[in-house]
Amino acid sequence: MIEVICNDRLGKKVRVKCNPDDTVGDLKKLIAAQTGTDYRKIVLKKWYNIFKDHITLEDYEIHDGMSIELYYS
């Protein structure tokens, strides 16, 4: 299990526990369950890279304690 911190830069930080072999789409659904928003409106970024839903966290090299930028579209 890893813990990923998602920061929307408006004062809300969401901590999510997931597995490294989960996809980004699975991570979005976990974030949506905590924030109450639709998972299809969530965009996850790191610098200028937008994470795609079908790729696993392990492939993006997302590790325990890593921070990701959270945007709403």
PDB file of N, CA and C in Angstrom:
ATOM      1  N   MET A   1       0.844  -1.190   0.000  1.00  0.00           N
ATOM      2  CA  MET A   1       0.000   0.000   0.000  1.00  0.00           C
ATOM      3  C   MET A   1       0.883   1.244   0.000  1.00  0.00           C
ATOM      4  N   ILE A   2       0.489   2.200  -0.800  1.00  0.00           N
ATOM      5  CA  ILE A   2       1.178   3.486  -0.817  1.00  0.00           C
ATOM      6  C   ILE A   2       0.161   4.574  -0.504  1.00  0.00           C
ATOM      7  N   GLU A   3       0.662   5.700  -0.027  1.00  0.00           N
ATOM      8  CA  GLU A   3      -0.196   6.842   0.251  1.00  0.00           C
ATOM      9  C   GLU A   3       0.193   7.971  -0.693  1.00  0.00           C
ATOM     10  N   VAL A   4      -0.792   8.480  -1.427  1.00  0.00           N
ATOM     11  CA  VAL A   4      -0.578   9.561  -2.385  1.00  0.00           C
ATOM     12  C   VAL A   4      -1.309  10.789  -1.869  1.00  0.00           C
ATOM     13  N   ILE A   5      -0.640  11.932  -1.916  1.00  0.00           N
ATOM     14  CA  ILE A   5      -1.221  13.193  -1.452  1.00  0.00           C
ATOM     15  C   ILE A   5      -1.591  14.021  -2.679  1.00  0.00           C
ATOM     16  N   CYS A   6      -2.856  14.398  -2.773  1.00  0.00           N
ATOM     17  CA  CYS A   6      -3.343  15.200  -3.895  1.00  0.00           C
ATOM     18  C   CYS A   6      -3.685  16.588  -3.386  1.00  0.00           C
ATOM     19  N   ASN A   7      -3.072  17.599  -3.961  1.00  0.00           N
ATOM     20  CA  ASN A   7      -3.232  18.985  -3.527  1.00  0.00           C
ATOM     21  C   ASN A   7      -3.907  19.771  -4.639  1.00  0.00           C
ATOM     22  N   ASP A   8      -5.032  20.427  -4.333  1.00  0.00           N
ATOM     23  CA  ASP A   8      -5.718  21.209  -5.356  1.00  0.00           C
ATOM     24  C   ASP A   8      -5.305  22.685  -5.334  1.00  0.00           C
ATOM     25  N   ARG A   9      -4.372  23.031  -4.486  1.00  0.00           N
ATOM     26  CA  ARG A   9      -3.815  24.385  -4.380  1.00  0.00           C
ATOM     27  C   ARG A   9      -4.830  25.427  -3.941  1.00  0.00           C
ATOM     28  N   LEU A  10      -5.973  24.981  -3.449  1.00  0.00           N
ATOM     29  CA  LEU A  10      -6.970  25.890  -2.892  1.00  0.00           C
ATOM     30  C   LEU A  10      -7.180  25.608  -1.412  1.00  0.00           C
ATOM     31  N   GLY A  11      -6.252  24.896  -0.823  1.00  0.00           N
ATOM     32  CA  GLY A  11      -6.335  24.600   0.594  1.00  0.00           C
ATOM     33  C   GLY A  11      -6.811  23.208   0.922  1.00  0.00           C
ATOM     34  N   LYS A  12      -7.131  22.413  -0.073  1.00  0.00           N
ATOM     35  CA  LYS A  12      -7.614  21.068   0.174  1.00  0.00           C
ATOM     36  C   LYS A  12      -6.555  20.045  -0.225  1.00  0.00           C
ATOM     37  N   LYS A  13      -6.149  19.227   0.742  1.00  0.00           N
ATOM     38  CA  LYS A  13      -5.235  18.123   0.471  1.00  0.00           C
ATOM     39  C   LYS A  13      -5.967  16.829   0.762  1.00  0.00           C
ATOM     40  N   VAL A  14      -5.897  15.909  -0.171  1.00  0.00           N
ATOM     41  CA  VAL A  14      -6.565  14.626  -0.035  1.00  0.00           C
ATOM     42  C   VAL A  14      -5.493  13.550   0.043  1.00  0.00           C
ATOM     43  N   ARG A  15      -5.538  12.733   1.097  1.00  0.00           N
ATOM     44  CA  ARG A  15      -4.607  11.609   1.240  1.00  0.00           C
ATOM     45  C   ARG A  15      -5.337  10.334   0.887  1.00  0.00           C
ATOM     46  N   VAL A  16      -4.781   9.580  -0.070  1.00  0.00           N
ATOM     47  CA  VAL A  16      -5.428   8.376  -0.562  1.00  0.00           C
ATOM     48  C   VAL A  16      -4.462   7.208  -0.445  1.00  0.00           C
ATOM     49  N   LYS A  17      -4.938   6.102   0.094  1.00  0.00           N
ATOM     50  CA  LYS A  17      -4.141   4.875   0.148  1.00  0.00           C
ATOM     51  C   LYS A  17      -4.593   3.961  -0.970  1.00  0.00           C
ATOM     52  N   CYS A  18      -3.616   3.467  -1.749  1.00  0.00           N
ATOM     53  CA  CYS A  18      -3.920   2.599  -2.879  1.00  0.00           C
ATOM     54  C   CYS A  18      -2.729   1.671  -3.124  1.00  0.00           C
ATOM     55  N   ASN A  19      -2.879   0.787  -4.071  1.00  0.00           N
ATOM     56  CA  ASN A  19      -1.820  -0.142  -4.434  1.00  0.00           C
ATOM     57  C   ASN A  19      -1.043   0.405  -5.619  1.00  0.00           C
ATOM     58  N   PRO A  20       0.241   0.051  -5.753  1.00  0.00           N
ATOM     59  CA  PRO A  20       1.024   0.532  -6.897  1.00  0.00           C
ATOM     60  C   PRO A  20       0.514   0.003  -8.242  1.00  0.00           C
ATOM     61  N   ASP A  21      -0.192  -1.127  -8.237  1.00  0.00           N
ATOM     62  CA  ASP A  21      -0.685  -1.668  -9.499  1.00  0.00           C
ATOM     63  C   ASP A  21      -2.081  -1.165  -9.842  1.00  0.00           C
ATOM     64  N   ASP A  22      -2.627  -0.216  -9.078  1.00  0.00           N
ATOM     65  CA  ASP A  22      -3.894   0.429  -9.423  1.00  0.00           C
ATOM     66  C   ASP A  22      -3.667   1.393 -10.583  1.00  0.00           C
ATOM     67  N   THR A  23      -4.696   1.619 -11.361  1.00  0.00           N
ATOM     68  CA  THR A  23      -4.583   2.577 -12.456  1.00  0.00           C
ATOM     69  C   THR A  23      -4.883   3.988 -11.946  1.00  0.00           C
ATOM     70  N   VAL A  24      -4.586   4.965 -12.763  1.00  0.00           N
ATOM     71  CA  VAL A  24      -4.881   6.355 -12.413  1.00  0.00           C
ATOM     72  C   VAL A  24      -6.387   6.552 -12.316  1.00  0.00           C
ATOM     73  N   GLY A  25      -7.153   5.842 -13.132  1.00  0.00           N
ATOM     74  CA  GLY A  25      -8.614   5.906 -13.053  1.00  0.00           C
ATOM     75  C   GLY A  25      -9.132   5.425 -11.712  1.00  0.00           C
ATOM     76  N   ASP A  26      -8.508   4.368 -11.166  1.00  0.00           N
ATOM     77  CA  ASP A  26      -8.888   3.881  -9.836  1.00  0.00           C
ATOM     78  C   ASP A  26      -8.583   4.930  -8.772  1.00  0.00           C
ATOM     79  N   LEU A  27      -7.433   5.585  -8.908  1.00  0.00           N
ATOM     80  CA  LEU A  27      -7.049   6.638  -7.964  1.00  0.00           C
ATOM     81  C   LEU A  27      -8.040   7.801  -8.022  1.00  0.00           C
ATOM     82  N   LYS A  28      -8.474   8.157  -9.220  1.00  0.00           N
ATOM     83  CA  LYS A  28      -9.461   9.231  -9.368  1.00  0.00           C
ATOM     84  C   LYS A  28     -10.770   8.872  -8.675  1.00  0.00           C
ATOM     85  N   LYS A  29     -11.181   7.614  -8.758  1.00  0.00           N
ATOM     86  CA  LYS A  29     -12.426   7.188  -8.105  1.00  0.00           C
ATOM     87  C   LYS A  29     -12.299   7.253  -6.595  1.00  0.00           C
ATOM     88  N   LEU A  30     -11.117   6.929  -6.059  1.00  0.00           N
ATOM     89  CA  LEU A  30     -10.904   7.038  -4.613  1.00  0.00           C
ATOM     90  C   LEU A  30     -10.920   8.504  -4.165  1.00  0.00           C
ATOM     91  N   ILE A  31     -10.331   9.381  -4.967  1.00  0.00           N
ATOM     92  CA  ILE A  31     -10.332  10.818  -4.649  1.00  0.00           C
ATOM     93  C   ILE A  31     -11.756  11.362  -4.718  1.00  0.00           C
ATOM     94  N   ALA A  32     -12.509  10.937  -5.729  1.00  0.00           N
ATOM     95  CA  ALA A  32     -13.888  11.405  -5.890  1.00  0.00           C
ATOM     96  C   ALA A  32     -14.756  10.971  -4.718  1.00  0.00           C
ATOM     97  N   ALA A  33     -14.496   9.790  -4.165  1.00  0.00           N
ATOM     98  CA  ALA A  33     -15.263   9.320  -3.016  1.00  0.00           C
ATOM     99  C   ALA A  33     -15.005  10.185  -1.786  1.00  0.00           C
ATOM    100  N   GLN A  34     -13.787  10.707  -1.654  1.00  0.00           N
ATOM    101  CA  GLN A  34     -13.461  11.544  -0.492  1.00  0.00           C
ATOM    102  C   GLN A  34     -13.895  12.993  -0.675  1.00  0.00           C
ATOM    103  N   THR A  35     -13.841  13.498  -1.902  1.00  0.00           N
ATOM    104  CA  THR A  35     -14.151  14.911  -2.120  1.00  0.00           C
ATOM    105  C   THR A  35     -15.607  15.148  -2.488  1.00  0.00           C
ATOM    106  N   GLY A  36     -16.303  14.140  -2.982  1.00  0.00           N
ATOM    107  CA  GLY A  36     -17.697  14.297  -3.364  1.00  0.00           C
ATOM    108  C   GLY A  36     -17.895  14.839  -4.762  1.00  0.00           C
ATOM    109  N   THR A  37     -16.849  14.834  -5.581  1.00  0.00           N
ATOM    110  CA  THR A  37     -16.976  15.291  -6.962  1.00  0.00           C
ATOM    111  C   THR A  37     -17.033  14.082  -7.894  1.00  0.00           C
ATOM    112  N   ASP A  38     -17.405  14.325  -9.134  1.00  0.00           N
ATOM    113  CA  ASP A  38     -17.448  13.262 -10.127  1.00  0.00           C
ATOM    114  C   ASP A  38     -16.024  12.931 -10.561  1.00  0.00           C
ATOM    115  N   TYR A  39     -15.713  11.644 -10.663  1.00  0.00           N
ATOM    116  CA  TYR A  39     -14.335  11.255 -10.989  1.00  0.00           C
ATOM    117  C   TYR A  39     -13.964  11.629 -12.420  1.00  0.00           C
ATOM    118  N   ARG A  40     -14.949  11.826 -13.280  1.00  0.00           N
ATOM    119  CA  ARG A  40     -14.651  12.203 -14.667  1.00  0.00           C
ATOM    120  C   ARG A  40     -14.219  13.656 -14.792  1.00  0.00           C
ATOM    121  N   LYS A  41     -14.426  14.458 -13.749  1.00  0.00           N
ATOM    122  CA  LYS A  41     -14.023  15.871 -13.774  1.00  0.00           C
ATOM    123  C   LYS A  41     -12.661  16.100 -13.135  1.00  0.00           C
ATOM    124  N   ILE A  42     -12.047  15.051 -12.606  1.00  0.00           N
ATOM    125  CA  ILE A  42     -10.766  15.180 -11.927  1.00  0.00           C
ATOM    126  C   ILE A  42      -9.625  14.996 -12.931  1.00  0.00           C
ATOM    127  N   VAL A  43      -8.647  15.895 -12.880  1.00  0.00           N
ATOM    128  CA  VAL A  43      -7.443  15.818 -13.705  1.00  0.00           C
ATOM    129  C   VAL A  43      -6.252  15.792 -12.753  1.00  0.00           C
ATOM    130  N   LEU A  44      -5.385  14.803 -12.909  1.00  0.00           N
ATOM    131  CA  LEU A  44      -4.193  14.684 -12.072  1.00  0.00           C
ATOM    132  C   LEU A  44      -2.963  15.021 -12.904  1.00  0.00           C
ATOM    133  N   LYS A  45      -2.098  15.874 -12.342  1.00  0.00           N
ATOM    134  CA  LYS A  45      -0.904  16.318 -13.050  1.00  0.00           C
ATOM    135  C   LYS A  45       0.311  16.261 -12.133  1.00  0.00           C
ATOM    136  N   LYS A  46       1.462  16.184 -12.735  1.00  0.00           N
ATOM    137  CA  LYS A  46       2.736  16.396 -12.064  1.00  0.00           C
ATOM    138  C   LYS A  46       3.555  17.238 -13.020  1.00  0.00           C
ATOM    139  N   TRP A  47       3.821  18.471 -12.650  1.00  0.00           N
ATOM    140  CA  TRP A  47       4.421  19.470 -13.532  1.00  0.00           C
ATOM    141  C   TRP A  47       3.529  19.644 -14.745  1.00  0.00           C
ATOM    142  N   TYR A  48       3.998  19.264 -15.932  1.00  0.00           N
ATOM    143  CA  TYR A  48       3.184  19.423 -17.132  1.00  0.00           C
ATOM    144  C   TYR A  48       2.651  18.101 -17.649  1.00  0.00           C
ATOM    145  N   ASN A  49       2.927  17.010 -16.955  1.00  0.00           N
ATOM    146  CA  ASN A  49       2.440  15.697 -17.374  1.00  0.00           C
ATOM    147  C   ASN A  49       1.037  15.460 -16.836  1.00  0.00           C
ATOM    148  N   ILE A  50       0.102  15.219 -17.726  1.00  0.00           N
ATOM    149  CA  ILE A  50      -1.254  14.856 -17.335  1.00  0.00           C
ATOM    150  C   ILE A  50      -1.323  13.338 -17.324  1.00  0.00           C
ATOM    151  N   PHE A  51      -1.744  12.771 -16.188  1.00  0.00           N
ATOM    152  CA  PHE A  51      -1.796  11.321 -16.048  1.00  0.00           C
ATOM    153  C   PHE A  51      -3.031  10.775 -16.746  1.00  0.00           C
ATOM    154  N   LYS A  52      -2.843   9.708 -17.519  1.00  0.00           N
ATOM    155  CA  LYS A  52      -3.934   9.076 -18.251  1.00  0.00           C
ATOM    156  C   LYS A  52      -4.526   7.948 -17.431  1.00  0.00           C
ATOM    157  N   ASP A  53      -5.831   7.720 -17.588  1.00  0.00           N
ATOM    158  CA  ASP A  53      -6.588   6.832 -16.718  1.00  0.00           C
ATOM    159  C   ASP A  53      -6.184   5.362 -16.802  1.00  0.00           C
ATOM    160  N   HIS A  54      -5.744   4.886 -17.931  1.00  0.00           N
ATOM    161  CA  HIS A  54      -5.516   3.455 -18.103  1.00  0.00           C
ATOM    162  C   HIS A  54      -4.111   2.995 -17.719  1.00  0.00           C
ATOM    163  N   ILE A  55      -3.235   3.889 -17.312  1.00  0.00           N
ATOM    164  CA  ILE A  55      -1.856   3.545 -16.969  1.00  0.00           C
ATOM    165  C   ILE A  55      -1.735   3.408 -15.454  1.00  0.00           C
ATOM    166  N   THR A  56      -0.942   2.440 -14.995  1.00  0.00           N
ATOM    167  CA  THR A  56      -0.831   2.182 -13.559  1.00  0.00           C
ATOM    168  C   THR A  56       0.067   3.221 -12.889  1.00  0.00           C
ATOM    169  N   LEU A  57      -0.081   3.323 -11.583  1.00  0.00           N
ATOM    170  CA  LEU A  57       0.743   4.251 -10.798  1.00  0.00           C
ATOM    171  C   LEU A  57       2.205   3.834 -10.831  1.00  0.00           C
ATOM    172  N   GLU A  58       2.438   2.543 -10.878  1.00  0.00           N
ATOM    173  CA  GLU A  58       3.806   2.016 -10.931  1.00  0.00           C
ATOM    174  C   GLU A  58       4.509   2.436 -12.222  1.00  0.00           C
ATOM    175  N   ASP A  59       3.774   2.456 -13.329  1.00  0.00           N
ATOM    176  CA  ASP A  59       4.348   2.875 -14.607  1.00  0.00           C
ATOM    177  C   ASP A  59       4.711   4.356 -14.612  1.00  0.00           C
ATOM    178  N   TYR A  60       3.941   5.159 -13.897  1.00  0.00           N
ATOM    179  CA  TYR A  60       4.241   6.590 -13.772  1.00  0.00           C
ATOM    180  C   TYR A  60       5.260   6.860 -12.666  1.00  0.00           C
ATOM    181  N   GLU A  61       5.729   5.813 -11.992  1.00  0.00           N
ATOM    182  CA  GLU A  61       6.700   5.920 -10.900  1.00  0.00           C
ATOM    183  C   GLU A  61       6.172   6.785  -9.759  1.00  0.00           C
ATOM    184  N   ILE A  62       4.910   6.568  -9.407  1.00  0.00           N
ATOM    185  CA  ILE A  62       4.308   7.237  -8.260  1.00  0.00           C
ATOM    186  C   ILE A  62       4.547   6.362  -7.043  1.00  0.00           C
ATOM    187  N   HIS A  63       5.246   6.912  -6.042  1.00  0.00           N
ATOM    188  CA  HIS A  63       5.658   6.151  -4.872  1.00  0.00           C
ATOM    189  C   HIS A  63       4.953   6.648  -3.618  1.00  0.00           C
ATOM    190  N   ASP A  64       5.264   6.011  -2.506  1.00  0.00           N
ATOM    191  CA  ASP A  64       4.655   6.344  -1.221  1.00  0.00           C
ATOM    192  C   ASP A  64       5.021   7.766  -0.805  1.00  0.00           C
ATOM    193  N   GLY A  65       4.021   8.546  -0.443  1.00  0.00           N
ATOM    194  CA  GLY A  65       4.237   9.908   0.030  1.00  0.00           C
ATOM    195  C   GLY A  65       4.362  10.945  -1.066  1.00  0.00           C
ATOM    196  N   MET A  66       4.184  10.557  -2.307  1.00  0.00           N
ATOM    197  CA  MET A  66       4.346  11.486  -3.420  1.00  0.00           C
ATOM    198  C   MET A  66       3.152  12.437  -3.509  1.00  0.00           C
ATOM    199  N   SER A  67       3.417  13.654  -3.908  1.00  0.00           N
ATOM    200  CA  SER A  67       2.374  14.671  -4.033  1.00  0.00           C
ATOM    201  C   SER A  67       2.032  14.874  -5.507  1.00  0.00           C
ATOM    202  N   ILE A  68       0.733  14.954  -5.785  1.00  0.00           N
ATOM    203  CA  ILE A  68       0.243  15.132  -7.155  1.00  0.00           C
ATOM    204  C   ILE A  68      -0.694  16.337  -7.149  1.00  0.00           C
ATOM    205  N   GLU A  69      -0.690  17.084  -8.248  1.00  0.00           N
ATOM    206  CA  GLU A  69      -1.559  18.241  -8.384  1.00  0.00           C
ATOM    207  C   GLU A  69      -2.943  17.784  -8.833  1.00  0.00           C
ATOM    208  N   LEU A  70      -3.975  18.324  -8.194  1.00  0.00           N
ATOM    209  CA  LEU A  70      -5.355  17.942  -8.449  1.00  0.00           C
ATOM    210  C   LEU A  70      -6.095  19.127  -9.048  1.00  0.00           C
ATOM    211  N   TYR A  71      -6.682  18.922 -10.234  1.00  0.00           N
ATOM    212  CA  TYR A  71      -7.451  19.960 -10.917  1.00  0.00           C
ATOM    213  C   TYR A  71      -8.836  19.437 -11.228  1.00  0.00           C
ATOM    214  N   TYR A  72      -9.773  20.345 -11.364  1.00  0.00           N
ATOM    215  CA  TYR A  72     -11.135  19.997 -11.756  1.00  0.00           C
ATOM    216  C   TYR A  72     -11.410  20.604 -13.119  1.00  0.00           C
ATOM    217  N   SER A  73     -11.928  19.795 -14.026  1.00  0.00           N
ATOM    218  CA  SER A  73     -12.225  20.325 -15.364  1.00  0.00           C
ATOM    219  C   SER A  73     -13.703  20.606 -15.534  1.00  0.00           C
TER     220      SER A  73
END
